[in-house]
Amino acid sequence: MPALDKKKRRSQYVKARLGQLLGWQETFDAALDINALISKDFDILKINRAGYENLGKKPEELLGKKCYQVVHGLDSPIQGCPCTMTLKTKSAGQGEIRDHGRNYIVTASPILDEKNEIVAFAHTIKDITDRVQAEAALKDAYDKMEMKVEARTADLMTANTQLRREVKERRQAEKALRKTERGLHKQKSELAQKNIALREIIAQIGLEKQRLKEEIRVNIETLVFPILERMKKDQDSTEYVRLLRHHLEYLASSYGIKISEGSQKLTPKEMEICGMVKAALTNKDIATLLNVSSQTVEWHRKRIRQKLGLANRGINLSAYLRDL
């Protein structure tokens, strides 16, 4: 008789405990994720609206059925089933599965009796397919951007090699000029033409670099950042989104944009002089290249310092520009 009473009390406890959980229908139905109560024998005891609507069945068609049969069409639990793990550990289990082309995070939390024995599971299935697809799209966009940057970098390195070769040739020509006076006027004219060509090449390379950085920035803003904004809605990805955005913004930084961010933008002429000052050219060198007086160059330098907030400050303009 005591054994029967003990068994009866245990049965009553289990029914009462499950009765409390089974009464949470409104809470279950309000959830967007699939929530269900599963017995330790894998029978469906309760399932919310999201669950039976996703399965395309009525609640009465699911209750009492094995979860692995109605969900996966199998005769036993799938490999990695969190309920199976929870049966062994008596602690919450979680796993990620792919089923019918969709990705899910599946969790199982144990429901214990007064003797710490499992009587059922609180089972949750969260569809993360959109997040997985967004992460894949982000990686693809980032890989393509890296390939484009590498290709453009190779082009710039080729141009730089050509530029070095021409500079070397110019120096050799200057040495030859010092050894002979014959044809001095003609050779000086040729050197002048080479100087003009070199300045044009340098200017073109500078414009190409600026255009490339602007293109990368626009690509990031139009292709990558919208994906990141959608991923921000997923709390699990917030930190990952913040770090990745930080690195992408650093990659897209631009010297030309930085020096024109002040309250007064630099004129094209001032931008050109900034490039020469950054290259450590003297006022005399700049005046010669621009065909203006040294006083005009000095006036422009003062205007540039004012616009960059360096007036009356003991900061070297050339060093400041190189640090940008």
Protein backbone atom coordinates (compact mmCIF):
# COMPACT_ATOMS: atom_id res chain seq x y z
CA MET A 1 0.00 0.00 0.00
CA PRO A 2 2.75 2.57 0.81
CA ALA A 3 4.28 1.89 -2.60
CA LEU A 4 0.94 2.53 -4.30
CA ASP A 5 0.46 5.76 -2.34
CA LYS A 6 3.96 6.88 -3.29
CA LYS A 7 3.31 6.17 -6.96
CA LYS A 8 -0.06 7.94 -6.79
CA ARG A 9 1.48 11.05 -5.18
CA ARG A 10 4.20 11.16 -7.83
CA SER A 11 1.59 10.85 -10.61
CA GLN A 12 -0.47 13.64 -9.04
CA TYR A 13 2.64 15.86 -8.77
CA VAL A 14 3.56 15.30 -12.40
CA LYS A 15 0.00 16.03 -13.55
CA ALA A 16 -0.15 19.19 -11.43
CA ARG A 17 3.27 20.38 -12.66
CA LEU A 18 2.40 19.74 -16.28
CA GLY A 19 -1.01 21.24 -15.73
CA GLN A 20 0.58 24.52 -14.71
CA LEU A 21 2.78 24.52 -17.81
CA LEU A 22 0.00 23.43 -20.14
CA GLY A 23 -2.11 26.36 -18.98
CA TRP A 24 0.22 28.90 -20.56
CA GLN A 25 -1.56 28.81 -23.91
CA GLU A 26 -1.78 32.58 -24.30
CA THR A 27 1.92 32.97 -23.56
CA PHE A 28 2.77 30.18 -26.00
CA ASP A 29 0.62 31.60 -28.77
CA ALA A 30 2.07 35.11 -28.39
CA ALA A 31 5.60 33.88 -29.20
CA LEU A 32 6.88 34.17 -32.77
CA ASP A 33 9.25 31.22 -32.33
CA ILE A 34 8.02 27.62 -32.18
CA ASN A 35 7.46 26.62 -28.53
CA ALA A 36 6.34 23.22 -27.32
CA LEU A 37 6.20 21.01 -24.25
CA ILE A 38 7.65 17.58 -25.00
CA SER A 39 7.44 14.58 -22.68
CA LYS A 40 10.58 12.68 -21.75
CA ASP A 41 9.36 10.03 -24.23
CA PHE A 42 9.33 12.71 -27.00
CA ASP A 43 5.52 13.00 -27.12
CA ILE A 44 4.13 16.48 -27.94
CA LEU A 45 2.16 17.64 -24.89
CA LYS A 46 1.56 21.24 -25.95
CA ILE A 47 2.50 23.38 -28.95
CA ASN A 48 1.91 27.06 -29.69
CA ARG A 49 0.28 28.65 -32.72
CA ALA A 50 3.62 29.32 -34.46
CA GLY A 51 4.40 25.61 -34.14
CA TYR A 52 1.30 24.06 -35.65
CA GLU A 53 0.99 26.79 -38.31
CA ASN A 54 4.58 26.17 -39.45
CA LEU A 55 3.89 22.43 -39.58
CA GLY A 56 0.63 23.04 -41.44
CA LYS A 57 -1.43 20.97 -39.01
CA LYS A 58 -4.10 21.39 -36.35
CA PRO A 59 -3.12 21.09 -32.67
CA GLU A 60 -5.13 17.90 -32.21
CA GLU A 61 -3.18 16.30 -35.08
CA LEU A 62 0.07 16.88 -33.20
CA LEU A 63 -0.70 16.29 -29.53
CA GLY A 64 0.48 12.89 -28.31
CA LYS A 65 2.59 12.30 -31.44
CA LYS A 66 6.36 11.82 -31.41
CA CYS A 67 8.06 15.12 -32.17
CA TYR A 68 10.70 13.53 -34.40
CA GLN A 69 7.97 11.89 -36.50
CA VAL A 70 5.83 14.97 -37.20
CA VAL A 71 8.75 17.42 -37.55
CA HIS A 72 11.46 15.37 -39.25
CA GLY A 73 9.56 12.35 -40.56
CA LEU A 74 11.93 9.97 -38.74
CA ASP A 75 11.49 6.96 -36.46
CA SER A 76 13.94 8.25 -33.85
CA PRO A 77 15.39 11.59 -32.68
CA ILE A 78 17.75 13.29 -35.15
CA GLN A 79 21.46 13.41 -34.49
CA GLY A 80 22.33 16.34 -32.22
CA CYS A 81 18.79 16.63 -30.82
CA PRO A 82 18.99 18.91 -27.74
CA CYS A 83 16.27 16.88 -25.97
CA THR A 84 18.50 13.80 -26.20
CA MET A 85 21.41 15.80 -24.76
CA THR A 86 19.21 17.16 -21.97
CA LEU A 87 18.09 13.64 -21.01
CA LYS A 88 21.73 12.76 -20.39
CA THR A 89 22.85 15.97 -18.63
CA LYS A 90 19.60 17.20 -16.99
CA SER A 91 20.65 20.69 -18.09
CA ALA A 92 19.52 22.89 -20.97
CA GLY A 93 20.80 21.81 -24.37
CA GLN A 94 21.11 23.77 -27.61
CA GLY A 95 22.01 22.91 -31.18
CA GLU A 96 21.85 24.33 -34.70
CA ILE A 97 20.21 22.23 -37.41
CA ARG A 98 19.34 22.59 -41.08
CA ASP A 99 16.08 21.08 -42.26
CA HIS A 100 14.26 21.43 -45.58
CA GLY A 101 16.57 24.25 -46.67
CA ARG A 102 16.09 26.31 -43.47
CA ASN A 103 18.43 26.96 -40.53
CA TYR A 104 17.24 26.70 -36.92
CA ILE A 105 18.58 27.09 -33.39
CA VAL A 106 16.89 24.45 -31.22
CA THR A 107 16.91 24.53 -27.41
CA ALA A 108 15.55 22.14 -24.80
CA SER A 109 15.22 23.02 -21.11
CA PRO A 110 14.41 20.24 -18.61
CA ILE A 111 11.31 20.29 -16.40
CA LEU A 112 12.13 18.42 -13.18
CA ASP A 113 10.00 16.91 -10.41
CA GLU A 114 10.69 17.15 -6.67
CA LYS A 115 13.26 14.37 -7.01
CA ASN A 116 15.14 16.22 -9.72
CA GLU A 117 13.96 13.76 -12.36
CA ILE A 118 13.01 14.94 -15.88
CA VAL A 119 9.29 14.78 -16.60
CA ALA A 120 9.23 16.95 -19.75
CA PHE A 121 11.11 19.48 -21.89
CA ALA A 122 10.42 23.12 -22.73
CA HIS A 123 11.33 23.05 -26.43
CA THR A 124 12.04 26.16 -28.57
CA ILE A 125 12.83 26.32 -32.29
CA LYS A 126 14.08 29.66 -33.70
CA ASP A 127 14.36 30.17 -37.48
CA ILE A 128 17.73 31.87 -38.19
CA THR A 129 17.74 31.37 -41.96
CA ASP A 130 17.61 35.13 -42.70
CA ARG A 131 20.56 35.77 -40.39
CA VAL A 132 22.62 32.96 -41.93
CA GLN A 133 21.87 34.25 -45.44
CA ALA A 134 22.75 37.82 -44.39
CA GLU A 135 26.08 36.64 -42.97
CA ALA A 136 26.84 34.76 -46.19
CA ALA A 137 25.94 37.81 -48.31
CA LEU A 138 28.11 40.02 -46.12
CA LYS A 139 31.08 37.67 -46.46
CA ASP A 140 30.62 37.50 -50.23
CA ALA A 141 30.49 41.32 -50.52
CA TYR A 142 33.56 41.69 -48.33
CA ASP A 143 35.51 39.08 -50.34
CA LYS A 144 34.65 40.84 -53.60
CA MET A 145 35.69 44.19 -52.15
CA GLU A 146 39.05 42.72 -51.05
CA MET A 147 39.65 41.31 -54.53
CA LYS A 148 38.93 44.69 -56.08
CA VAL A 149 41.25 46.48 -53.67
CA GLU A 150 44.03 43.98 -54.40
CA ALA A 151 43.59 44.45 -58.15
CA ARG A 152 43.69 48.25 -57.89
CA THR A 153 46.69 48.09 -55.56
CA ALA A 154 48.56 46.05 -58.18
CA ASP A 155 47.75 48.71 -60.79
CA LEU A 156 49.08 51.46 -58.54
CA MET A 157 52.26 49.50 -57.85
CA THR A 158 52.83 49.12 -61.60
CA ALA A 159 52.36 52.86 -62.08
CA ASN A 160 54.73 53.55 -59.20
CA THR A 161 57.41 51.30 -60.77
CA GLN A 162 57.05 53.17 -64.05
CA LEU A 163 57.32 56.47 -62.22
CA ARG A 164 60.53 55.39 -60.47
CA ARG A 165 61.98 54.31 -63.79
CA GLU A 166 61.24 57.69 -65.35
CA VAL A 167 62.73 59.52 -62.36
CA LYS A 168 65.91 57.45 -62.74
CA GLU A 169 66.05 58.29 -66.43
CA ARG A 170 65.64 61.98 -65.65
CA ARG A 171 68.55 61.89 -63.20
CA GLN A 172 70.74 60.19 -65.79
CA ALA A 173 69.83 62.87 -68.29
CA GLU A 174 70.71 65.61 -65.78
CA LYS A 175 74.14 64.01 -65.19
CA ALA A 176 74.76 63.95 -68.95
CA LEU A 177 73.80 67.63 -69.16
CA ARG A 178 76.50 68.53 -66.64
CA LYS A 179 79.17 66.79 -68.79
CA THR A 180 78.54 68.57 -72.04
CA GLU A 181 77.42 71.97 -73.26
CA ARG A 182 76.45 70.76 -76.73
CA GLY A 183 72.79 70.69 -77.29
CA LEU A 184 72.23 72.17 -73.80
CA HIS A 185 69.18 74.15 -74.84
CA LYS A 186 67.57 71.15 -76.55
CA GLN A 187 68.22 68.82 -73.62
CA LYS A 188 66.89 71.37 -71.10
CA SER A 189 63.72 71.63 -73.16
CA GLU A 190 63.35 67.84 -73.15
CA LEU A 191 63.85 67.74 -69.39
CA ALA A 192 61.23 70.43 -68.93
CA GLN A 193 58.77 68.31 -70.92
CA LYS A 194 59.62 65.28 -68.81
CA ASN A 195 59.01 67.31 -65.64
CA ILE A 196 55.60 68.30 -66.93
CA ALA A 197 54.82 64.67 -67.79
CA LEU A 198 55.95 63.52 -64.35
CA ARG A 199 53.75 66.10 -62.61
CA GLU A 200 50.80 64.95 -64.69
CA ILE A 201 51.48 61.31 -63.81
CA ILE A 202 51.76 62.19 -60.11
CA ALA A 203 48.53 64.18 -60.27
CA GLN A 204 46.78 61.34 -62.13
CA ILE A 205 47.89 58.77 -59.58
CA GLY A 206 46.60 61.01 -56.79
CA LEU A 207 43.22 61.36 -58.51
CA GLU A 208 43.03 57.60 -59.12
CA LYS A 209 43.75 56.84 -55.48
CA GLN A 210 41.06 59.29 -54.37
CA ARG A 211 38.54 57.87 -56.85
CA LEU A 212 39.27 54.32 -55.67
CA LYS A 213 38.76 55.25 -52.00
CA GLU A 214 35.49 57.02 -52.81
CA GLU A 215 34.30 54.00 -54.81
CA ILE A 216 35.09 51.67 -51.92
CA ARG A 217 33.26 53.98 -49.49
CA VAL A 218 30.15 54.10 -51.70
CA ASN A 219 30.21 50.31 -52.16
CA ILE A 220 30.39 49.80 -48.40
CA GLU A 221 27.54 52.25 -47.74
CA THR A 222 25.28 50.80 -50.44
CA LEU A 223 26.08 47.08 -50.24
CA VAL A 224 27.50 46.26 -46.81
CA PHE A 225 25.99 48.71 -44.31
CA PRO A 226 22.32 47.90 -45.22
CA ILE A 227 23.05 44.24 -44.42
CA LEU A 228 24.68 45.25 -41.14
CA GLU A 229 21.66 47.37 -40.21
CA ARG A 230 19.38 44.36 -40.72
CA MET A 231 21.70 42.19 -38.63
CA LYS A 232 21.59 44.73 -35.78
CA LYS A 233 18.03 43.64 -35.12
CA ASP A 234 19.39 40.26 -34.04
CA GLN A 235 20.71 40.72 -30.50
CA ASP A 236 23.16 37.82 -30.91
CA SER A 237 25.02 39.72 -33.69
CA THR A 238 25.32 43.22 -32.15
CA GLU A 239 28.98 43.01 -31.09
CA TYR A 240 30.00 41.30 -34.30
CA VAL A 241 28.29 44.06 -36.34
CA ARG A 242 29.98 46.85 -34.34
CA LEU A 243 33.49 45.41 -34.78
CA LEU A 244 33.06 44.66 -38.45
CA ARG A 245 31.71 48.15 -39.17
CA HIS A 246 34.70 49.68 -37.35
CA HIS A 247 37.18 47.80 -39.58
CA LEU A 248 35.31 48.62 -42.79
CA GLU A 249 35.18 52.34 -41.96
CA TYR A 250 38.94 52.33 -41.28
CA LEU A 251 39.56 50.65 -44.64
CA ALA A 252 37.55 53.35 -46.46
CA SER A 253 39.33 56.33 -44.80
CA SER A 254 40.69 59.02 -47.15
CA TYR A 255 43.43 61.68 -46.80
CA GLY A 256 41.75 63.94 -49.38
CA ILE A 257 38.45 63.83 -47.55
CA LYS A 258 40.07 64.48 -44.16
CA ILE A 259 41.78 67.72 -45.18
CA SER A 260 38.54 69.06 -46.71
CA GLU A 261 36.30 68.29 -43.69
CA GLY A 262 36.93 71.65 -42.01
CA SER A 263 34.41 74.42 -41.65
CA GLN A 264 35.91 76.07 -44.77
CA LYS A 265 36.73 73.71 -47.63
CA LEU A 266 40.06 74.07 -49.43
CA THR A 267 40.05 75.36 -53.01
CA PRO A 268 41.47 73.16 -55.78
CA LYS A 269 44.59 75.35 -55.85
CA GLU A 270 45.01 75.00 -52.07
CA MET A 271 44.54 71.22 -52.34
CA GLU A 272 47.27 71.14 -55.01
CA ILE A 273 49.63 73.17 -52.81
CA CYS A 274 48.86 70.88 -49.86
CA GLY A 275 50.03 67.93 -51.92
CA MET A 276 53.29 69.69 -52.72
CA VAL A 277 53.83 70.79 -49.10
CA LYS A 278 53.10 67.23 -47.97
CA ALA A 279 55.85 66.10 -50.40
CA ALA A 280 58.29 68.49 -48.58
CA LEU A 281 58.68 70.91 -51.53
CA THR A 282 59.95 74.41 -50.62
CA ASN A 283 58.10 77.64 -51.41
CA LYS A 284 60.58 78.26 -54.19
CA ASP A 285 60.01 74.79 -55.70
CA ILE A 286 56.24 75.24 -55.53
CA ALA A 287 56.44 78.72 -57.05
CA THR A 288 58.51 77.37 -59.94
CA LEU A 289 56.11 74.50 -60.64
CA LEU A 290 53.00 76.73 -60.46
CA ASN A 291 54.66 79.65 -62.25
CA VAL A 292 53.81 82.09 -59.44
CA SER A 293 55.85 84.14 -56.98
CA SER A 294 57.12 82.81 -53.66
CA GLN A 295 55.02 85.50 -51.93
CA THR A 296 51.88 84.04 -53.55
CA VAL A 297 52.79 80.57 -52.30
CA GLU A 298 53.39 81.93 -48.79
CA TRP A 299 49.97 83.66 -48.88
CA HIS A 300 48.31 80.35 -49.87
CA ARG A 301 50.13 78.51 -47.07
CA LYS A 302 48.78 81.02 -44.51
CA ARG A 303 45.25 80.56 -45.87
CA ILE A 304 45.61 76.76 -45.66
CA ARG A 305 46.83 76.94 -42.04
CA GLN A 306 43.83 79.13 -41.15
CA LYS A 307 41.35 76.72 -42.74
CA LEU A 308 42.97 73.71 -41.06
CA GLY A 309 42.94 75.42 -37.65
CA LEU A 310 46.74 75.72 -37.46
CA ALA A 311 47.04 79.52 -37.36
CA ASN A 312 49.29 80.79 -34.56
CA ARG A 313 50.12 77.22 -33.57
CA GLY A 314 53.65 75.86 -33.63
CA ILE A 315 52.76 72.91 -35.85
CA ASN A 316 54.72 72.14 -39.02
CA LEU A 317 52.26 72.13 -41.95
CA SER A 318 54.16 69.47 -43.92
CA ALA A 319 54.32 67.11 -40.93
CA TYR A 320 50.62 67.74 -40.17
CA LEU A 321 49.59 66.81 -43.73
CA ARG A 322 51.74 63.65 -43.73
CA ASP A 323 50.04 62.49 -40.52
CA LEU A 324 46.55 62.68 -42.05
